[in-house]
Amino acid sequence: MKSILKIVPVVLFMTLLCAMMVDAVLLDGYAAAVGERIITVGEVKEEMQRENRNLFSSIATGTDVSHEMLTRLYKEALDRLIRRTLILAEFDVLKADDKIDLPDEAVNKRIDGIILDRYHNNRALFFEDLKQSGMTFSEFKEQTRNNLVMLVMRNRGLIGNIQVSPAAAKALYLENLDDYKIPARCELGMIVFHGDGVDDKRMRDARITLAELRDGADFAALARERSDGGKAKDGGYKGWLKTNDLREELRDAVKEMKEDEVSGIIKAGDILYILKLYKKQDETVKRFKDVQEQLKRVLMREEHERLMNEWEERLRAKHHITRYPIPPQF
């Protein structure tokens, strides 16, 4: 009799627990099903927050976000989860057919690597961080396993090495020459006089300064002594500048100047300038051989994405996907 009394509370407890679990699922809700795998609304919300941390931080402080934007983010997050779940479901199929496997040892080695890289092999610190995050070690291990599965499966989905021909890289280069232009530049010194007239003291100072420069005076010394510009203490040296970023009046003057030449007095608005052109470089284009490897990487990424999309489309055709309506309370 005593043994039965001991069992009854356990049965009641299990019944209540099962009821609570059902209620939790109903409250959370299904977002989608991929084969036998379920994606819950809660998982979609977690994905939304993970990918849009700044937005959800602002929402927490009272920023209004439209229902349309939240709906769009929900759909995008669900799409990402469906893609991942498709790959995990395909792994389950292949594993059941003994065509692929991921030994537990590989997962443990990956976790050891994470603890070494992120926590300097301090396992106590790792477990404390895990506790703070609210994640159990079993959950972390499952997450790590899924990440490894994704890596293994993505590599398996790409049959053979992706090759990019030099001809394809050259074609991309010619199609995007503007992206490889190096703008015209000039190395300048400036003596600046603020003033708004042609007969005021500033103009007289500018004329005297120009005359002294043409008689061989040192440009940097006069700039330190007389310039109103921010670089006066540096001898008026402005360094290398993009020619097209200069004011129109200065740009036109630079185009007519030769290296080591001093300009005349240039009036631009209420400011007077005397320039010294140290060096200049005309606009040019990066050589193909200097950007060939960069172009190849671009083409390889595009081809990788294309192959991945084709593979995922095959998985979509193979695994039944059900999307459930977005919950009204969302």
Protein backbone atom coordinates (compact mmCIF):
# COMPACT_ATOMS: atom_id res chain seq x y z
CA MET A 1 0.00 0.00 0.00
CA LYS A 2 2.83 2.35 0.88
CA SER A 3 4.52 1.65 -2.42
CA ILE A 4 1.35 2.55 -4.31
CA LEU A 5 1.02 5.79 -2.37
CA LYS A 6 4.59 6.62 -3.34
CA ILE A 7 3.87 5.98 -7.01
CA VAL A 8 0.63 8.00 -7.21
CA PRO A 9 2.24 11.41 -6.52
CA VAL A 10 4.85 10.64 -9.18
CA VAL A 11 2.13 9.80 -11.71
CA LEU A 12 0.25 12.98 -10.86
CA PHE A 13 3.44 14.98 -11.12
CA MET A 14 4.25 13.53 -14.57
CA THR A 15 0.69 14.20 -15.74
CA LEU A 16 0.91 17.82 -14.62
CA LEU A 17 4.35 18.16 -16.21
CA CYS A 18 3.09 16.88 -19.56
CA ALA A 19 0.15 19.29 -19.41
CA MET A 20 2.54 22.16 -18.69
CA MET A 21 4.73 21.16 -21.63
CA VAL A 22 1.73 21.12 -23.97
CA ASP A 23 0.66 24.53 -22.71
CA ALA A 24 4.18 25.85 -23.25
CA VAL A 25 4.17 24.65 -26.85
CA LEU A 26 0.75 26.18 -27.43
CA LEU A 27 1.84 29.47 -25.88
CA ASP A 28 5.07 29.46 -27.90
CA GLY A 29 3.49 28.16 -31.08
CA TYR A 30 4.79 26.55 -34.24
CA ALA A 31 6.36 28.83 -36.82
CA ALA A 32 7.26 26.12 -39.34
CA ALA A 33 7.93 22.43 -39.77
CA VAL A 34 10.71 20.98 -41.88
CA GLY A 35 10.09 17.29 -42.19
CA GLU A 36 9.82 16.11 -38.59
CA ARG A 37 11.74 19.08 -37.19
CA ILE A 38 9.75 21.92 -35.62
CA ILE A 39 10.70 25.62 -35.57
CA THR A 40 8.88 27.46 -32.79
CA VAL A 41 7.82 31.10 -32.67
CA GLY A 42 10.15 31.52 -29.70
CA GLU A 43 13.12 30.37 -31.79
CA VAL A 44 12.18 32.87 -34.50
CA LYS A 45 12.02 35.67 -31.94
CA GLU A 46 15.44 34.68 -30.59
CA GLU A 47 16.84 34.74 -34.13
CA MET A 48 15.30 38.17 -34.73
CA GLN A 49 16.92 39.56 -31.60
CA ARG A 50 20.27 37.92 -32.32
CA GLU A 51 20.44 39.47 -35.81
CA ASN A 52 19.00 42.87 -34.82
CA ARG A 53 20.44 43.55 -31.36
CA ASN A 54 20.58 47.34 -31.74
CA LEU A 55 16.99 47.55 -32.95
CA PHE A 56 15.63 45.46 -30.09
CA SER A 57 17.71 47.40 -27.58
CA SER A 58 16.05 50.59 -28.82
CA ILE A 59 12.63 48.94 -28.59
CA ALA A 60 13.37 48.07 -24.96
CA THR A 61 14.01 51.76 -24.24
CA GLY A 62 10.71 52.85 -25.78
CA THR A 63 11.45 53.34 -29.49
CA ASP A 64 8.40 52.63 -31.66
CA VAL A 65 8.84 50.13 -34.47
CA SER A 66 6.12 49.54 -37.05
CA HIS A 67 4.27 46.23 -37.19
CA GLU A 68 5.27 46.01 -40.86
CA MET A 69 8.98 46.12 -39.97
CA LEU A 70 8.58 43.49 -37.23
CA THR A 71 6.67 41.27 -39.65
CA ARG A 72 9.44 41.61 -42.24
CA LEU A 73 12.12 40.78 -39.64
CA TYR A 74 10.05 37.79 -38.49
CA LYS A 75 9.84 36.42 -42.04
CA GLU A 76 13.56 36.97 -42.66
CA ALA A 77 14.47 35.23 -39.39
CA LEU A 78 12.15 32.32 -40.19
CA ASP A 79 13.72 31.96 -43.65
CA ARG A 80 17.19 31.72 -42.07
CA LEU A 81 16.00 29.10 -39.59
CA ILE A 82 14.31 27.08 -42.35
CA ARG A 83 17.56 27.06 -44.33
CA ARG A 84 19.49 25.80 -41.32
CA THR A 85 16.84 23.25 -40.42
CA LEU A 86 16.78 21.93 -43.99
CA ILE A 87 20.49 21.20 -43.80
CA LEU A 88 20.17 19.58 -40.37
CA ALA A 89 17.25 17.46 -41.62
CA GLU A 90 19.29 16.33 -44.62
CA PHE A 91 22.12 15.37 -42.26
CA ASP A 92 19.68 13.19 -40.29
CA VAL A 93 18.65 11.42 -43.50
CA LEU A 94 22.24 10.78 -44.56
CA LYS A 95 23.21 9.65 -41.08
CA ALA A 96 20.30 7.19 -40.98
CA ASP A 97 21.57 5.73 -44.26
CA ASP A 98 25.12 5.51 -42.83
CA LYS A 99 26.37 7.95 -45.47
CA ILE A 100 27.70 10.53 -43.02
CA ASP A 101 28.39 10.90 -39.32
CA LEU A 102 29.74 13.40 -36.84
CA PRO A 103 31.53 11.61 -33.97
CA ASP A 104 30.95 12.92 -30.48
CA GLU A 105 34.72 13.23 -30.20
CA ALA A 106 34.71 15.90 -32.95
CA VAL A 107 32.14 17.95 -31.03
CA ASN A 108 34.13 17.66 -27.80
CA LYS A 109 37.32 18.77 -29.58
CA ARG A 110 35.48 21.79 -30.98
CA ILE A 111 34.26 22.72 -27.49
CA ASP A 112 37.80 22.33 -26.13
CA GLY A 113 38.98 24.65 -28.92
CA ILE A 114 36.37 27.26 -28.00
CA ILE A 115 37.38 27.13 -24.33
CA LEU A 116 41.05 27.49 -25.32
CA ASP A 117 40.52 30.36 -27.78
CA ARG A 118 37.88 32.40 -25.94
CA TYR A 119 38.61 31.59 -22.31
CA HIS A 120 42.35 30.84 -22.39
CA ASN A 121 41.57 27.28 -21.32
CA ASN A 122 39.85 28.46 -18.13
CA ARG A 123 36.98 25.96 -17.92
CA ALA A 124 35.61 27.52 -14.72
CA LEU A 125 35.25 30.85 -16.52
CA PHE A 126 33.58 29.09 -19.44
CA PHE A 127 30.99 27.42 -17.22
CA GLU A 128 30.35 30.64 -15.32
CA ASP A 129 29.73 32.44 -18.62
CA LEU A 130 27.45 29.60 -19.70
CA LYS A 131 25.50 29.92 -16.45
CA GLN A 132 25.12 33.67 -16.91
CA SER A 133 23.73 33.14 -20.40
CA GLY A 134 21.08 30.77 -19.07
CA MET A 135 22.25 27.94 -21.33
CA THR A 136 23.00 24.45 -20.06
CA PHE A 137 26.11 22.59 -21.16
CA SER A 138 23.91 20.07 -23.00
CA GLU A 139 22.29 22.92 -24.95
CA PHE A 140 25.68 24.43 -25.73
CA LYS A 141 26.98 21.08 -26.90
CA GLU A 142 23.95 20.61 -29.14
CA GLN A 143 24.44 24.10 -30.57
CA THR A 144 28.11 23.34 -31.22
CA ARG A 145 27.19 20.05 -32.86
CA ASN A 146 24.65 21.76 -35.13
CA ASN A 147 27.24 24.38 -36.14
CA LEU A 148 29.65 21.61 -37.09
CA VAL A 149 26.92 19.79 -38.99
CA MET A 150 26.21 22.98 -40.94
CA LEU A 151 29.88 23.29 -41.84
CA VAL A 152 30.21 19.65 -42.88
CA MET A 153 27.00 19.72 -44.90
CA ARG A 154 27.77 22.97 -46.68
CA ASN A 155 31.13 21.60 -47.76
CA ARG A 156 29.44 18.39 -48.87
CA GLY A 157 26.88 20.35 -50.86
CA LEU A 158 29.64 21.87 -53.01
CA ILE A 159 30.89 19.12 -55.28
CA GLY A 160 34.47 19.75 -56.37
CA ASN A 161 36.57 22.88 -56.03
CA ILE A 162 35.26 26.16 -57.39
CA GLN A 163 37.47 27.36 -60.23
CA VAL A 164 37.59 30.88 -61.68
CA SER A 165 39.21 31.46 -65.05
CA PRO A 166 41.50 34.47 -65.70
CA ALA A 167 39.17 35.37 -68.59
CA ALA A 168 36.19 35.68 -66.22
CA ALA A 169 38.23 37.85 -63.85
CA LYS A 170 39.36 40.08 -66.74
CA ALA A 171 35.77 40.46 -67.96
CA LEU A 172 34.66 41.55 -64.48
CA TYR A 173 37.56 44.01 -64.35
CA LEU A 174 36.60 45.62 -67.65
CA GLU A 175 32.94 45.82 -66.63
CA ASN A 176 33.84 47.72 -63.45
CA LEU A 177 36.78 49.91 -64.46
CA ASP A 178 35.33 52.87 -62.57
CA ASP A 179 35.74 50.93 -59.32
CA TYR A 180 39.48 50.67 -59.94
CA LYS A 181 40.18 54.29 -60.81
CA ILE A 182 42.78 56.10 -58.72
CA PRO A 183 41.70 59.77 -58.64
CA ALA A 184 44.07 62.59 -59.49
CA ARG A 185 46.01 63.80 -56.44
CA CYS A 186 48.21 66.72 -55.57
CA GLU A 187 50.69 67.46 -52.80
CA LEU A 188 50.09 71.04 -51.75
CA GLY A 189 51.24 73.85 -49.52
CA MET A 190 48.93 76.82 -48.85
CA ILE A 191 49.35 80.33 -47.56
CA VAL A 192 45.92 81.64 -46.64
CA PHE A 193 44.74 85.23 -46.18
CA HIS A 194 41.27 85.97 -44.87
CA GLY A 195 39.64 89.12 -46.26
CA ASP A 196 36.81 90.28 -48.51
CA GLY A 197 38.24 92.97 -50.78
CA VAL A 198 40.86 93.46 -53.46
CA ASP A 199 42.35 96.61 -51.91
CA ASP A 200 42.35 95.73 -48.21
CA LYS A 201 45.38 94.97 -46.07
CA ARG A 202 45.10 91.23 -46.71
CA MET A 203 45.45 91.74 -50.44
CA ARG A 204 48.48 93.95 -49.90
CA ASP A 205 50.01 91.30 -47.64
CA ALA A 206 49.29 88.65 -50.25
CA ARG A 207 50.96 90.69 -52.99
CA ILE A 208 54.03 91.34 -50.85
CA THR A 209 54.24 87.64 -49.95
CA LEU A 210 53.91 86.55 -53.57
CA ALA A 211 56.65 88.96 -54.63
CA GLU A 212 58.99 87.60 -51.94
CA LEU A 213 58.27 84.02 -53.03
CA ARG A 214 59.10 84.85 -56.61
CA ASP A 215 62.34 86.39 -55.40
CA GLY A 216 63.24 83.02 -53.84
CA ALA A 217 61.87 83.27 -50.28
CA ASP A 218 61.13 80.00 -48.48
CA PHE A 219 57.45 79.06 -48.84
CA ALA A 220 57.21 77.17 -45.51
CA ALA A 221 58.86 80.01 -43.57
CA LEU A 222 56.46 82.63 -44.97
CA ALA A 223 53.48 80.33 -44.36
CA ARG A 224 54.44 79.96 -40.68
CA GLU A 225 54.84 83.73 -40.39
CA ARG A 226 51.83 85.02 -42.35
CA SER A 227 49.24 82.33 -43.17
CA ASP A 228 45.84 82.36 -41.49
CA GLY A 229 45.33 78.71 -42.38
CA GLY A 230 45.09 75.86 -39.90
CA LYS A 231 48.37 74.38 -41.19
CA ALA A 232 50.42 77.56 -40.76
CA LYS A 233 52.58 76.02 -38.01
CA ASP A 234 53.38 73.17 -40.42
CA GLY A 235 54.64 75.60 -43.06
CA GLY A 236 51.27 75.52 -44.82
CA TYR A 237 51.80 71.88 -45.79
CA LYS A 238 48.48 70.19 -46.60
CA GLY A 239 49.88 66.88 -47.79
CA TRP A 240 48.33 64.76 -50.52
CA LEU A 241 44.78 65.77 -51.49
CA LYS A 242 42.35 64.51 -54.10
CA THR A 243 42.30 67.19 -56.76
CA ASN A 244 38.55 66.96 -57.23
CA ASP A 245 38.02 67.62 -53.51
CA LEU A 246 39.54 71.10 -53.79
CA ARG A 247 37.45 74.22 -54.23
CA GLU A 248 36.83 74.89 -57.89
CA GLU A 249 39.14 77.93 -58.01
CA LEU A 250 42.01 75.96 -56.44
CA ARG A 251 41.35 72.91 -58.58
CA ASP A 252 41.52 74.96 -61.78
CA ALA A 253 44.79 76.54 -60.67
CA VAL A 254 46.40 73.21 -59.77
CA LYS A 255 45.53 71.74 -63.17
CA GLU A 256 47.58 74.50 -64.84
CA MET A 257 50.55 74.35 -62.47
CA LYS A 258 53.77 72.39 -62.75
CA GLU A 259 55.53 70.59 -59.91
CA ASP A 260 57.47 72.89 -57.52
CA GLU A 261 55.62 75.90 -58.95
CA VAL A 262 54.01 78.65 -56.84
CA SER A 263 50.64 79.97 -57.96
CA GLY A 264 49.50 83.55 -58.23
CA ILE A 265 46.97 84.97 -55.77
CA ILE A 266 43.76 82.96 -56.00
CA LYS A 267 40.51 84.47 -54.70
CA ALA A 268 37.90 81.93 -53.59
CA GLY A 269 34.96 83.54 -51.83
CA ASP A 270 36.35 85.82 -49.12
CA ILE A 271 39.67 83.98 -48.89
CA LEU A 272 42.92 84.58 -50.72
CA TYR A 273 45.31 81.69 -51.41
CA ILE A 274 48.84 81.23 -52.61
CA LEU A 275 49.61 77.60 -53.44
CA LYS A 276 52.78 75.64 -53.85
CA LEU A 277 52.43 72.44 -55.86
CA TYR A 278 55.03 69.93 -54.72
CA LYS A 279 53.85 66.98 -56.79
CA LYS A 280 50.79 65.81 -58.64
CA GLN A 281 49.50 62.54 -60.04
CA ASP A 282 46.98 62.30 -62.85
CA GLU A 283 43.98 60.00 -62.63
CA THR A 284 44.87 56.42 -63.44
CA VAL A 285 43.42 52.92 -63.17
CA LYS A 286 44.74 50.03 -61.08
CA ARG A 287 46.36 47.41 -63.26
CA PHE A 288 44.48 44.16 -63.78
CA LYS A 289 47.34 42.11 -62.37
CA ASP A 290 47.20 44.15 -59.15
CA VAL A 291 43.51 43.33 -58.55
CA GLN A 292 43.27 39.92 -60.23
CA GLU A 293 43.24 37.93 -56.97
CA GLN A 294 40.64 40.25 -55.47
CA LEU A 295 38.43 39.75 -58.54
CA LYS A 296 38.84 35.99 -58.32
CA ARG A 297 37.67 36.04 -54.71
CA VAL A 298 34.58 38.03 -55.71
CA LEU A 299 33.74 35.54 -58.46
CA MET A 300 34.37 32.58 -56.16
CA ARG A 301 31.99 34.02 -53.54
CA GLU A 302 29.33 34.53 -56.21
CA GLU A 303 29.78 30.99 -57.55
CA HIS A 304 29.73 29.59 -54.02
CA GLU A 305 26.46 31.41 -53.33
CA ARG A 306 24.95 30.16 -56.59
CA LEU A 307 25.87 26.55 -55.86
CA MET A 308 24.61 26.82 -52.30
CA ASN A 309 21.28 28.21 -53.51
CA GLU A 310 20.92 25.38 -56.04
CA TRP A 311 21.72 22.81 -53.36
CA GLU A 312 19.24 24.33 -50.92
CA GLU A 313 16.55 24.34 -53.61
CA ARG A 314 17.11 20.61 -54.06
CA LEU A 315 16.73 20.17 -50.30
CA ARG A 316 13.49 22.17 -50.33
CA ALA A 317 12.11 19.85 -52.99
CA LYS A 318 13.14 16.82 -50.94
CA HIS A 319 11.94 17.86 -47.47
CA HIS A 320 8.36 18.93 -46.87
CA ILE A 321 8.14 22.44 -45.43
CA THR A 322 5.08 23.82 -43.67
CA ARG A 323 4.86 27.47 -42.66
CA TYR A 324 2.33 28.43 -40.02
CA PRO A 325 0.62 31.87 -39.83
CA ILE A 326 2.35 34.55 -37.80
CA PRO A 327 0.68 34.62 -34.36
CA PRO A 328 -1.83 37.49 -33.99
CA GLN A 329 -0.26 38.53 -30.67
CA PHE A 330 3.16 38.87 -32.27
